[in-house]
Amino acid sequence: MSETDAKATCDLSNYLASAGTRAESDRVDATSYARLLARLETMPVIEQAKGIIMARSRCAEAEAFDLLRRASQRSNIPVRDLAAQIVARATSPPAAKDRTAPPAPQHQACRVS
């Protein structure tokens, strides 16, 4: 093998090695990109749920997210799904009262005589 052939073989080998690395890098980049897109899609609903929790619990943003995260872990529901449930409940109209249902029992101290 001549020196020129050896150099060409070495160059080809390096090119093929870098192509494999580029393909792997492209796969990692595509996966990271997909994750980023998923996070961007779910971010608004999580932010809305945090706002609802902050308003109802009168807490700071970090504490609201911590409450959401812990509830997610306890119920084994992903944060994004739990956040969507919170937003849906908060934005849905109140259920119409059933006029045939008996009134809710009142605590002894709350009864009107």
PDB file of N, CA and C in Angstrom:
ATOM      1  N   MET A   1       0.855  -1.160   0.000  1.00  0.00           N
ATOM      2  CA  MET A   1       0.000   0.000   0.000  1.00  0.00           C
ATOM      3  C   MET A   1       0.904   1.226   0.000  1.00  0.00           C
ATOM      4  N   SER A   2       0.609   2.109  -0.913  1.00  0.00           N
ATOM      5  CA  SER A   2       1.423   3.307  -1.015  1.00  0.00           C
ATOM      6  C   SER A   2       1.046   4.292   0.090  1.00  0.00           C
ATOM      7  N   GLU A   3       1.911   5.286   0.238  1.00  0.00           N
ATOM      8  CA  GLU A   3       1.654   6.306   1.246  1.00  0.00           C
ATOM      9  C   GLU A   3       0.367   7.047   0.934  1.00  0.00           C
ATOM     10  N   THR A   4       0.080   7.306  -0.326  1.00  0.00           N
ATOM     11  CA  THR A   4      -1.150   7.990  -0.732  1.00  0.00           C
ATOM     12  C   THR A   4      -2.359   7.126  -0.418  1.00  0.00           C
ATOM     13  N   ASP A   5      -2.252   5.798  -0.690  1.00  0.00           N
ATOM     14  CA  ASP A   5      -3.353   4.884  -0.385  1.00  0.00           C
ATOM     15  C   ASP A   5      -3.595   4.798   1.131  1.00  0.00           C
ATOM     16  N   ALA A   6      -2.529   4.785   1.904  1.00  0.00           N
ATOM     17  CA  ALA A   6      -2.645   4.713   3.358  1.00  0.00           C
ATOM     18  C   ALA A   6      -3.320   5.962   3.892  1.00  0.00           C
ATOM     19  N   LYS A   7      -2.937   7.132   3.340  1.00  0.00           N
ATOM     20  CA  LYS A   7      -3.553   8.379   3.772  1.00  0.00           C
ATOM     21  C   LYS A   7      -5.025   8.399   3.393  1.00  0.00           C
ATOM     22  N   ALA A   8      -5.368   7.940   2.198  1.00  0.00           N
ATOM     23  CA  ALA A   8      -6.763   7.915   1.747  1.00  0.00           C
ATOM     24  C   ALA A   8      -7.578   6.964   2.628  1.00  0.00           C
ATOM     25  N   THR A   9      -6.983   5.815   2.966  1.00  0.00           N
ATOM     26  CA  THR A   9      -7.665   4.854   3.837  1.00  0.00           C
ATOM     27  C   THR A   9      -7.896   5.461   5.215  1.00  0.00           C
ATOM     28  N   CYS A  10      -6.890   6.147   5.722  1.00  0.00           N
ATOM     29  CA  CYS A  10      -7.006   6.802   7.029  1.00  0.00           C
ATOM     30  C   CYS A  10      -8.072   7.892   6.978  1.00  0.00           C
ATOM     31  N   ASP A  11      -8.073   8.700   5.911  1.00  0.00           N
ATOM     32  CA  ASP A  11      -9.071   9.755   5.767  1.00  0.00           C
ATOM     33  C   ASP A  11     -10.478   9.171   5.682  1.00  0.00           C
ATOM     34  N   LEU A  12     -10.630   8.076   4.922  1.00  0.00           N
ATOM     35  CA  LEU A  12     -11.925   7.425   4.790  1.00  0.00           C
ATOM     36  C   LEU A  12     -12.381   6.865   6.136  1.00  0.00           C
ATOM     37  N   SER A  13     -11.459   6.271   6.855  1.00  0.00           N
ATOM     38  CA  SER A  13     -11.777   5.718   8.161  1.00  0.00           C
ATOM     39  C   SER A  13     -12.226   6.820   9.122  1.00  0.00           C
ATOM     40  N   ASN A  14     -11.502   7.927   9.119  1.00  0.00           N
ATOM     41  CA  ASN A  14     -11.879   9.060   9.978  1.00  0.00           C
ATOM     42  C   ASN A  14     -13.235   9.638   9.584  1.00  0.00           C
ATOM     43  N   TYR A  15     -13.493   9.710   8.277  1.00  0.00           N
ATOM     44  CA  TYR A  15     -14.763  10.233   7.793  1.00  0.00           C
ATOM     45  C   TYR A  15     -15.921   9.337   8.249  1.00  0.00           C
ATOM     46  N   LEU A  16     -15.746   8.016   8.084  1.00  0.00           N
ATOM     47  CA  LEU A  16     -16.794   7.086   8.490  1.00  0.00           C
ATOM     48  C   LEU A  16     -17.030   7.138   9.999  1.00  0.00           C
ATOM     49  N   ALA A  17     -15.960   7.262  10.757  1.00  0.00           N
ATOM     50  CA  ALA A  17     -16.100   7.352  12.209  1.00  0.00           C
ATOM     51  C   ALA A  17     -16.854   8.620  12.594  1.00  0.00           C
ATOM     52  N   SER A  18     -16.516   9.730  11.941  1.00  0.00           N
ATOM     53  CA  SER A  18     -17.198  10.978  12.270  1.00  0.00           C
ATOM     54  C   SER A  18     -18.639  10.948  11.782  1.00  0.00           C
ATOM     55  N   ALA A  19     -18.933  10.242  10.698  1.00  0.00           N
ATOM     56  CA  ALA A  19     -20.312  10.134  10.218  1.00  0.00           C
ATOM     57  C   ALA A  19     -21.154   9.383  11.245  1.00  0.00           C
ATOM     58  N   GLY A  20     -20.581   8.325  11.827  1.00  0.00           N
ATOM     59  CA  GLY A  20     -21.296   7.581  12.865  1.00  0.00           C
ATOM     60  C   GLY A  20     -21.547   8.464  14.069  1.00  0.00           C
ATOM     61  N   THR A  21     -20.564   9.255  14.442  1.00  0.00           N
ATOM     62  CA  THR A  21     -20.704  10.168  15.568  1.00  0.00           C
ATOM     63  C   THR A  21     -21.746  11.234  15.261  1.00  0.00           C
ATOM     64  N   ARG A  22     -21.740  11.745  14.035  1.00  0.00           N
ATOM     65  CA  ARG A  22     -22.730  12.752  13.637  1.00  0.00           C
ATOM     66  C   ARG A  22     -24.134  12.169  13.664  1.00  0.00           C
ATOM     67  N   ALA A  23     -24.283  10.935  13.199  1.00  0.00           N
ATOM     68  CA  ALA A  23     -25.604  10.299  13.203  1.00  0.00           C
ATOM     69  C   ALA A  23     -26.105  10.151  14.629  1.00  0.00           C
ATOM     70  N   GLU A  24     -25.215   9.717  15.518  1.00  0.00           N
ATOM     71  CA  GLU A  24     -25.596   9.580  16.927  1.00  0.00           C
ATOM     72  C   GLU A  24     -25.925  10.947  17.508  1.00  0.00           C
ATOM     73  N   SER A  25     -25.131  11.940  17.176  1.00  0.00           N
ATOM     74  CA  SER A  25     -25.366  13.297  17.655  1.00  0.00           C
ATOM     75  C   SER A  25     -26.702  13.824  17.140  1.00  0.00           C
ATOM     76  N   ASP A  26     -27.005  13.545  15.867  1.00  0.00           N
ATOM     77  CA  ASP A  26     -28.284  13.977  15.298  1.00  0.00           C
ATOM     78  C   ASP A  26     -29.451  13.311  16.018  1.00  0.00           C
ATOM     79  N   ARG A  27     -29.290  12.027  16.369  1.00  0.00           N
ATOM     80  CA  ARG A  27     -30.345  11.319  17.096  1.00  0.00           C
ATOM     81  C   ARG A  27     -30.557  11.943  18.472  1.00  0.00           C
ATOM     82  N   VAL A  28     -29.464  12.241  19.161  1.00  0.00           N
ATOM     83  CA  VAL A  28     -29.557  12.874  20.478  1.00  0.00           C
ATOM     84  C   VAL A  28     -30.188  14.250  20.339  1.00  0.00           C
ATOM     85  N   ASP A  29     -29.766  15.009  19.326  1.00  0.00           N
ATOM     86  CA  ASP A  29     -30.328  16.335  19.114  1.00  0.00           C
ATOM     87  C   ASP A  29     -31.824  16.257  18.816  1.00  0.00           C
ATOM     88  N   ALA A  30     -32.238  15.272  18.009  1.00  0.00           N
ATOM     89  CA  ALA A  30     -33.655  15.116  17.682  1.00  0.00           C
ATOM     90  C   ALA A  30     -34.458  14.760  18.931  1.00  0.00           C
ATOM     91  N   THR A  31     -33.898  13.903  19.779  1.00  0.00           N
ATOM     92  CA  THR A  31     -34.574  13.524  21.019  1.00  0.00           C
ATOM     93  C   THR A  31     -34.685  14.722  21.950  1.00  0.00           C
ATOM     94  N   SER A  32     -33.607  15.465  22.085  1.00  0.00           N
ATOM     95  CA  SER A  32     -33.630  16.664  22.933  1.00  0.00           C
ATOM     96  C   SER A  32     -34.628  17.684  22.404  1.00  0.00           C
ATOM     97  N   TYR A  33     -34.663  17.827  21.102  1.00  0.00           N
ATOM     98  CA  TYR A  33     -35.595  18.765  20.475  1.00  0.00           C
ATOM     99  C   TYR A  33     -37.038  18.341  20.735  1.00  0.00           C
ATOM    100  N   ALA A  34     -37.319  17.060  20.612  1.00  0.00           N
ATOM    101  CA  ALA A  34     -38.679  16.554  20.870  1.00  0.00           C
ATOM    102  C   ALA A  34     -39.079  16.796  22.320  1.00  0.00           C
ATOM    103  N   ARG A  35     -38.142  16.570  23.245  1.00  0.00           N
ATOM    104  CA  ARG A  35     -38.428  16.828  24.659  1.00  0.00           C
ATOM    105  C   ARG A  35     -38.704  18.304  24.910  1.00  0.00           C
ATOM    106  N   LEU A  36     -37.909  19.147  24.288  1.00  0.00           N
ATOM    107  CA  LEU A  36     -38.087  20.586  24.440  1.00  0.00           C
ATOM    108  C   LEU A  36     -39.460  21.016  23.919  1.00  0.00           C
ATOM    109  N   LEU A  37     -39.855  20.507  22.764  1.00  0.00           N
ATOM    110  CA  LEU A  37     -41.173  20.832  22.223  1.00  0.00           C
ATOM    111  C   LEU A  37     -42.288  20.368  23.155  1.00  0.00           C
ATOM    112  N   ALA A  38     -42.141  19.166  23.708  1.00  0.00           N
ATOM    113  CA  ALA A  38     -43.154  18.649  24.635  1.00  0.00           C
ATOM    114  C   ALA A  38     -43.264  19.542  25.864  1.00  0.00           C
ATOM    115  N   ARG A  39     -42.128  19.981  26.377  1.00  0.00           N
ATOM    116  CA  ARG A  39     -42.143  20.862  27.555  1.00  0.00           C
ATOM    117  C   ARG A  39     -42.790  22.201  27.227  1.00  0.00           C
ATOM    118  N   LEU A  40     -42.502  22.733  26.043  1.00  0.00           N
ATOM    119  CA  LEU A  40     -43.089  24.009  25.652  1.00  0.00           C
ATOM    120  C   LEU A  40     -44.600  23.901  25.481  1.00  0.00           C
ATOM    121  N   GLU A  41     -45.067  22.740  25.026  1.00  0.00           N
ATOM    122  CA  GLU A  41     -46.503  22.546  24.849  1.00  0.00           C
ATOM    123  C   GLU A  41     -47.224  22.429  26.195  1.00  0.00           C
ATOM    124  N   THR A  42     -46.590  21.815  27.182  1.00  0.00           N
ATOM    125  CA  THR A  42     -47.238  21.612  28.473  1.00  0.00           C
ATOM    126  C   THR A  42     -46.997  22.762  29.450  1.00  0.00           C
ATOM    127  N   MET A  43     -46.049  23.610  29.157  1.00  0.00           N
ATOM    128  CA  MET A  43     -45.705  24.689  30.073  1.00  0.00           C
ATOM    129  C   MET A  43     -46.877  25.619  30.390  1.00  0.00           C
ATOM    130  N   PRO A  44     -47.668  26.066  29.401  1.00  0.00           N
ATOM    131  CA  PRO A  44     -48.765  26.988  29.737  1.00  0.00           C
ATOM    132  C   PRO A  44     -49.769  26.389  30.717  1.00  0.00           C
ATOM    133  N   VAL A  45     -50.127  25.134  30.555  1.00  0.00           N
ATOM    134  CA  VAL A  45     -51.121  24.541  31.453  1.00  0.00           C
ATOM    135  C   VAL A  45     -50.548  24.384  32.859  1.00  0.00           C
ATOM    136  N   ILE A  46     -49.272  24.093  32.966  1.00  0.00           N
ATOM    137  CA  ILE A  46     -48.642  23.992  34.288  1.00  0.00           C
ATOM    138  C   ILE A  46     -48.593  25.368  34.943  1.00  0.00           C
ATOM    139  N   GLU A  47     -48.275  26.387  34.170  1.00  0.00           N
ATOM    140  CA  GLU A  47     -48.249  27.750  34.707  1.00  0.00           C
ATOM    141  C   GLU A  47     -49.643  28.178  35.157  1.00  0.00           C
ATOM    142  N   GLN A  48     -50.670  27.820  34.383  1.00  0.00           N
ATOM    143  CA  GLN A  48     -52.042  28.152  34.767  1.00  0.00           C
ATOM    144  C   GLN A  48     -52.421  27.448  36.065  1.00  0.00           C
ATOM    145  N   ALA A  49     -52.081  26.176  36.164  1.00  0.00           N
ATOM    146  CA  ALA A  49     -52.390  25.417  37.382  1.00  0.00           C
ATOM    147  C   ALA A  49     -51.666  26.016  38.581  1.00  0.00           C
ATOM    148  N   LYS A  50     -50.407  26.423  38.397  1.00  0.00           N
ATOM    149  CA  LYS A  50     -49.684  27.071  39.491  1.00  0.00           C
ATOM    150  C   LYS A  50     -50.390  28.342  39.925  1.00  0.00           C
ATOM    151  N   GLY A  51     -50.884  29.113  38.964  1.00  0.00           N
ATOM    152  CA  GLY A  51     -51.605  30.343  39.291  1.00  0.00           C
ATOM    153  C   GLY A  51     -52.870  30.059  40.089  1.00  0.00           C
ATOM    154  N   ILE A  52     -53.580  29.008  39.701  1.00  0.00           N
ATOM    155  CA  ILE A  52     -54.799  28.630  40.431  1.00  0.00           C
ATOM    156  C   ILE A  52     -54.449  28.217  41.852  1.00  0.00           C
ATOM    157  N   ILE A  53     -53.412  27.424  41.994  1.00  0.00           N
ATOM    158  CA  ILE A  53     -52.981  26.972  43.328  1.00  0.00           C
ATOM    159  C   ILE A  53     -52.531  28.167  44.165  1.00  0.00           C
ATOM    160  N   MET A  54     -51.785  29.089  43.547  1.00  0.00           N
ATOM    161  CA  MET A  54     -51.319  30.274  44.270  1.00  0.00           C
ATOM    162  C   MET A  54     -52.500  31.107  44.766  1.00  0.00           C
ATOM    163  N   ALA A  55     -53.520  31.251  43.936  1.00  0.00           N
ATOM    164  CA  ALA A  55     -54.682  32.055  44.327  1.00  0.00           C
ATOM    165  C   ALA A  55     -55.473  31.384  45.448  1.00  0.00           C
ATOM    166  N   ARG A  56     -55.648  30.090  45.334  1.00  0.00           N
ATOM    167  CA  ARG A  56     -56.462  29.379  46.331  1.00  0.00           C
ATOM    168  C   ARG A  56     -55.718  29.148  47.637  1.00  0.00           C
ATOM    169  N   SER A  57     -54.424  28.891  47.544  1.00  0.00           N
ATOM    170  CA  SER A  57     -53.640  28.581  48.746  1.00  0.00           C
ATOM    171  C   SER A  57     -52.904  29.783  49.297  1.00  0.00           C
ATOM    172  N   ARG A  58     -52.951  30.886  48.567  1.00  0.00           N
ATOM    173  CA  ARG A  58     -52.214  32.093  48.950  1.00  0.00           C
ATOM    174  C   ARG A  58     -50.758  31.778  49.258  1.00  0.00           C
ATOM    175  N   CYS A  59     -50.110  31.197  48.249  1.00  0.00           N
ATOM    176  CA  CYS A  59     -48.704  30.814  48.424  1.00  0.00           C
ATOM    177  C   CYS A  59     -47.887  31.372  47.267  1.00  0.00           C
ATOM    178  N   ALA A  60     -46.579  31.256  47.383  1.00  0.00           N
ATOM    179  CA  ALA A  60     -45.658  31.728  46.350  1.00  0.00           C
ATOM    180  C   ALA A  60     -45.589  30.714  45.205  1.00  0.00           C
ATOM    181  N   GLU A  61     -45.006  31.148  44.100  1.00  0.00           N
ATOM    182  CA  GLU A  61     -44.913  30.313  42.899  1.00  0.00           C
ATOM    183  C   GLU A  61     -44.167  29.003  43.155  1.00  0.00           C
ATOM    184  N   ALA A  62     -43.045  29.072  43.840  1.00  0.00           N
ATOM    185  CA  ALA A  62     -42.257  27.863  44.098  1.00  0.00           C
ATOM    186  C   ALA A  62     -43.043  26.881  44.970  1.00  0.00           C
ATOM    187  N   GLU A  63     -43.752  27.398  45.954  1.00  0.00           N
ATOM    188  CA  GLU A  63     -44.545  26.529  46.826  1.00  0.00           C
ATOM    189  C   GLU A  63     -45.708  25.915  46.048  1.00  0.00           C
ATOM    190  N   ALA A  64     -46.312  26.680  45.143  1.00  0.00           N
ATOM    191  CA  ALA A  64     -47.411  26.157  44.327  1.00  0.00           C
ATOM    192  C   ALA A  64     -46.928  25.003  43.454  1.00  0.00           C
ATOM    193  N   PHE A  65     -45.752  25.168  42.848  1.00  0.00           N
ATOM    194  CA  PHE A  65     -45.224  24.078  42.028  1.00  0.00           C
ATOM    195  C   PHE A  65     -44.887  22.874  42.896  1.00  0.00           C
ATOM    196  N   ASP A  66     -44.353  23.111  44.083  1.00  0.00           N
ATOM    197  CA  ASP A  66     -44.033  22.010  44.987  1.00  0.00           C
ATOM    198  C   ASP A  66     -45.304  21.248  45.373  1.00  0.00           C
ATOM    199  N   LEU A  67     -46.384  21.974  45.646  1.00  0.00           N
ATOM    200  CA  LEU A  67     -47.662  21.319  45.957  1.00  0.00           C
ATOM    201  C   LEU A  67     -48.148  20.493  44.769  1.00  0.00           C
ATOM    202  N   LEU A  68     -48.033  21.052  43.577  1.00  0.00           N
ATOM    203  CA  LEU A  68     -48.442  20.339  42.358  1.00  0.00           C
ATOM    204  C   LEU A  68     -47.588  19.092  42.149  1.00  0.00           C
ATOM    205  N   ARG A  69     -46.291  19.240  42.325  1.00  0.00           N
ATOM    206  CA  ARG A  69     -45.368  18.117  42.138  1.00  0.00           C
ATOM    207  C   ARG A  69     -45.644  16.998  43.139  1.00  0.00           C
ATOM    208  N   ARG A  70     -45.838  17.366  44.412  1.00  0.00           N
ATOM    209  CA  ARG A  70     -46.103  16.347  45.439  1.00  0.00           C
ATOM    210  C   ARG A  70     -47.437  15.646  45.207  1.00  0.00           C
ATOM    211  N   ALA A  71     -48.452  16.400  44.801  1.00  0.00           N
ATOM    212  CA  ALA A  71     -49.754  15.783  44.499  1.00  0.00           C
ATOM    213  C   ALA A  71     -49.617  14.831  43.309  1.00  0.00           C
ATOM    214  N   SER A  72     -48.802  15.213  42.355  1.00  0.00           N
ATOM    215  CA  SER A  72     -48.550  14.359  41.198  1.00  0.00           C
ATOM    216  C   SER A  72     -47.909  13.041  41.623  1.00  0.00           C
ATOM    217  N   GLN A  73     -46.940  13.129  42.505  1.00  0.00           N
ATOM    218  CA  GLN A  73     -46.261  11.926  42.985  1.00  0.00           C
ATOM    219  C   GLN A  73     -47.187  11.045  43.812  1.00  0.00           C
ATOM    220  N   ARG A  74     -47.974  11.659  44.685  1.00  0.00           N
ATOM    221  CA  ARG A  74     -48.907  10.884  45.528  1.00  0.00           C
ATOM    222  C   ARG A  74     -49.946  10.146  44.697  1.00  0.00           C
ATOM    223  N   SER A  75     -50.454  10.807  43.673  1.00  0.00           N
ATOM    224  CA  SER A  75     -51.520  10.219  42.867  1.00  0.00           C
ATOM    225  C   SER A  75     -50.998   9.438  41.666  1.00  0.00           C
ATOM    226  N   ASN A  76     -49.687   9.463  41.457  1.00  0.00           N
ATOM    227  CA  ASN A  76     -49.060   8.773  40.329  1.00  0.00           C
ATOM    228  C   ASN A  76     -49.632   9.259  38.996  1.00  0.00           C
ATOM    229  N   ILE A  77     -49.851  10.556  38.898  1.00  0.00           N
ATOM    230  CA  ILE A  77     -50.336  11.200  37.679  1.00  0.00           C
ATOM    231  C   ILE A  77     -49.258  12.193  37.252  1.00  0.00           C
ATOM    232  N   PRO A  78     -48.870  12.191  35.971  1.00  0.00           N
ATOM    233  CA  PRO A  78     -47.861  13.155  35.532  1.00  0.00           C
ATOM    234  C   PRO A  78     -48.288  14.594  35.835  1.00  0.00           C
ATOM    235  N   VAL A  79     -47.319  15.436  36.142  1.00  0.00           N
ATOM    236  CA  VAL A  79     -47.592  16.835  36.505  1.00  0.00           C
ATOM    237  C   VAL A  79     -48.434  17.508  35.433  1.00  0.00           C
ATOM    238  N   ARG A  80     -48.097  17.308  34.165  1.00  0.00           N
ATOM    239  CA  ARG A  80     -48.838  17.983  33.086  1.00  0.00           C
ATOM    240  C   ARG A  80     -50.306  17.556  33.068  1.00  0.00           C
ATOM    241  N   ASP A  81     -50.573  16.259  33.338  1.00  0.00           N
ATOM    242  CA  ASP A  81     -51.955  15.769  33.339  1.00  0.00           C
ATOM    243  C   ASP A  81     -52.726  16.296  34.546  1.00  0.00           C
ATOM    244  N   LEU A  82     -52.074  16.311  35.700  1.00  0.00           N
ATOM    245  CA  LEU A  82     -52.716  16.839  36.900  1.00  0.00           C
ATOM    246  C   LEU A  82     -52.994  18.327  36.734  1.00  0.00           C
ATOM    247  N   ALA A  83     -52.045  19.047  36.150  1.00  0.00           N
ATOM    248  CA  ALA A  83     -52.233  20.479  35.892  1.00  0.00           C
ATOM    249  C   ALA A  83     -53.423  20.695  34.968  1.00  0.00           C
ATOM    250  N   ALA A  84     -53.556  19.878  33.939  1.00  0.00           N
ATOM    251  CA  ALA A  84     -54.685  19.997  33.008  1.00  0.00           C
ATOM    252  C   ALA A  84     -56.006  19.751  33.730  1.00  0.00           C
ATOM    253  N   GLN A  85     -56.025  18.799  34.659  1.00  0.00           N
ATOM    254  CA  GLN A  85     -57.243  18.531  35.433  1.00  0.00           C
ATOM    255  C   GLN A  85     -57.607  19.728  36.308  1.00  0.00           C
ATOM    256  N   ILE A  86     -56.607  20.317  36.941  1.00  0.00           N
ATOM    257  CA  ILE A  86     -56.849  21.483  37.805  1.00  0.00           C
ATOM    258  C   ILE A  86     -57.420  22.633  36.991  1.00  0.00           C
ATOM    259  N   VAL A  87     -56.823  22.899  35.833  1.00  0.00           N
ATOM    260  CA  VAL A  87     -57.292  23.994  34.978  1.00  0.00           C
ATOM    261  C   VAL A  87     -58.709  23.705  34.478  1.00  0.00           C
ATOM    262  N   ALA A  88     -58.964  22.466  34.085  1.00  0.00           N
ATOM    263  CA  ALA A  88     -60.298  22.107  33.576  1.00  0.00           C
ATOM    264  C   ALA A  88     -61.363  22.299  34.655  1.00  0.00           C
ATOM    265  N   ARG A  89     -61.052  21.879  35.863  1.00  0.00           N
ATOM    266  CA  ARG A  89     -62.023  22.050  36.962  1.00  0.00           C
ATOM    267  C   ARG A  89     -62.247  23.522  37.291  1.00  0.00           C
ATOM    268  N   ALA A  90     -61.184  24.292  37.252  1.00  0.00           N
ATOM    269  CA  ALA A  90     -61.295  25.710  37.609  1.00  0.00           C
ATOM    270  C   ALA A  90     -62.028  26.511  36.537  1.00  0.00           C
ATOM    271  N   THR A  91     -61.953  26.064  35.296  1.00  0.00           N
ATOM    272  CA  THR A  91     -62.556  26.831  34.204  1.00  0.00           C
ATOM    273  C   THR A  91     -63.905  26.295  33.762  1.00  0.00           C
ATOM    274  N   SER A  92     -64.313  25.150  34.279  1.00  0.00           N
ATOM    275  CA  SER A  92     -65.619  24.609  33.882  1.00  0.00           C
ATOM    276  C   SER A  92     -66.717  25.313  34.668  1.00  0.00           C
ATOM    277  N   PRO A  93     -67.889  25.475  34.045  1.00  0.00           N
ATOM    278  CA  PRO A  93     -68.982  26.139  34.765  1.00  0.00           C
ATOM    279  C   PRO A  93     -69.450  25.276  35.928  1.00  0.00           C
ATOM    280  N   PRO A  94     -69.949  25.910  36.975  1.00  0.00           N
ATOM    281  CA  PRO A  94     -70.415  25.132  38.121  1.00  0.00           C
ATOM    282  C   PRO A  94     -71.594  24.253  37.709  1.00  0.00           C
ATOM    283  N   ALA A  95     -71.669  23.081  38.312  1.00  0.00           N
ATOM    284  CA  ALA A  95     -72.755  22.167  38.003  1.00  0.00           C
ATOM    285  C   ALA A  95     -74.060  22.754  38.506  1.00  0.00           C
ATOM    286  N   ALA A  96     -75.115  22.535  37.726  1.00  0.00           N
ATOM    287  CA  ALA A  96     -76.430  23.016  38.137  1.00  0.00           C
ATOM    288  C   ALA A  96     -76.885  22.225  39.354  1.00  0.00           C
ATOM    289  N   LYS A  97     -77.463  22.926  40.309  1.00  0.00           N
ATOM    290  CA  LYS A  97     -77.937  22.244  41.523  1.00  0.00           C
ATOM    291  C   LYS A  97     -79.201  21.453  41.196  1.00  0.00           C
ATOM    292  N   ASP A  98     -79.268  20.286  41.765  1.00  0.00           N
ATOM    293  CA  ASP A  98     -80.453  19.454  41.609  1.00  0.00           C
ATOM    294  C   ASP A  98     -81.491  19.957  42.605  1.00  0.00           C
ATOM    295  N   ARG A  99     -82.603  20.471  42.113  1.00  0.00           N
ATOM    296  CA  ARG A  99     -83.621  21.066  42.995  1.00  0.00           C
ATOM    297  C   ARG A  99     -84.348  20.021  43.830  1.00  0.00           C
ATOM    298  N   THR A 100     -84.248  18.744  43.452  1.00  0.00           N
ATOM    299  CA  THR A 100     -84.937  17.697  44.214  1.00  0.00           C
ATOM    300  C   THR A 100     -84.067  17.134  45.324  1.00  0.00           C
ATOM    301  N   ALA A 101     -82.801  17.478  45.324  1.00  0.00           N
ATOM    302  CA  ALA A 101     -81.894  16.952  46.344  1.00  0.00           C
ATOM    303  C   ALA A 101     -82.159  17.656  47.673  1.00  0.00           C
ATOM    304  N   PRO A 102     -82.076  16.922  48.761  1.00  0.00           N
ATOM    305  CA  PRO A 102     -82.270  17.559  50.069  1.00  0.00           C
ATOM    306  C   PRO A 102     -81.117  18.514  50.356  1.00  0.00           C
ATOM    307  N   PRO A 103     -81.350  19.528  51.182  1.00  0.00           N
ATOM    308  CA  PRO A 103     -80.271  20.471  51.508  1.00  0.00           C
ATOM    309  C   PRO A 103     -79.163  19.758  52.276  1.00  0.00           C
ATOM    310  N   ALA A 104     -77.963  20.259  52.093  1.00  0.00           N
ATOM    311  CA  ALA A 104     -76.812  19.671  52.780  1.00  0.00           C
ATOM    312  C   ALA A 104     -76.958  19.883  54.272  1.00  0.00           C
ATOM    313  N   PRO A 105     -76.596  18.881  55.086  1.00  0.00           N
ATOM    314  CA  PRO A 105     -76.696  19.054  56.539  1.00  0.00           C
ATOM    315  C   PRO A 105     -75.767  20.165  57.002  1.00  0.00           C
ATOM    316  N   GLN A 106     -76.207  20.897  57.995  1.00  0.00           N
ATOM    317  CA  GLN A 106     -75.401  21.987  58.528  1.00  0.00           C
ATOM    318  C   GLN A 106     -74.826  21.583  59.871  1.00  0.00           C
ATOM    319  N   HIS A 107     -73.713  22.166  60.185  1.00  0.00           N
ATOM    320  CA  HIS A 107     -73.075  21.947  61.469  1.00  0.00           C
ATOM    321  C   HIS A 107     -73.978  22.528  62.548  1.00  0.00           C
ATOM    322  N   GLN A 108     -73.957  21.963  63.728  1.00  0.00           N
ATOM    323  CA  GLN A 108     -74.828  22.370  64.843  1.00  0.00           C
ATOM    324  C   GLN A 108     -74.786  23.898  65.049  1.00  0.00           C
ATOM    325  N   ALA A 109     -73.597  24.478  65.005  1.00  0.00           N
ATOM    326  CA  ALA A 109     -73.459  25.902  65.285  1.00  0.00           C
ATOM    327  C   ALA A 109     -73.969  26.746  64.140  1.00  0.00           C
ATOM    328  N   CYS A 110     -74.137  26.173  62.949  1.00  0.00           N
ATOM    329  CA  CYS A 110     -74.562  26.928  61.775  1.00  0.00           C
ATOM    330  C   CYS A 110     -76.066  26.841  61.525  1.00  0.00           C
ATOM    331  N   ARG A 111     -76.772  26.041  62.262  1.00  0.00           N
ATOM    332  CA  ARG A 111     -78.215  25.852  62.021  1.00  0.00           C
ATOM    333  C   ARG A 111     -78.978  27.128  62.344  1.00  0.00           C
ATOM    334  N   VAL A 112     -79.934  27.371  61.517  1.00  0.00           N
ATOM    335  CA  VAL A 112     -80.808  28.533  61.719  1.00  0.00           C
ATOM    336  C   VAL A 112     -82.104  28.008  62.309  1.00  0.00           C
ATOM    337  N   SER A 113     -82.543  28.551  63.423  1.00  0.00           N
ATOM    338  CA  SER A 113     -83.766  28.078  64.088  1.00  0.00           C
ATOM    339  C   SER A 113     -84.969  28.849  63.633  1.00  0.00           C
TER     340      SER A 113
END
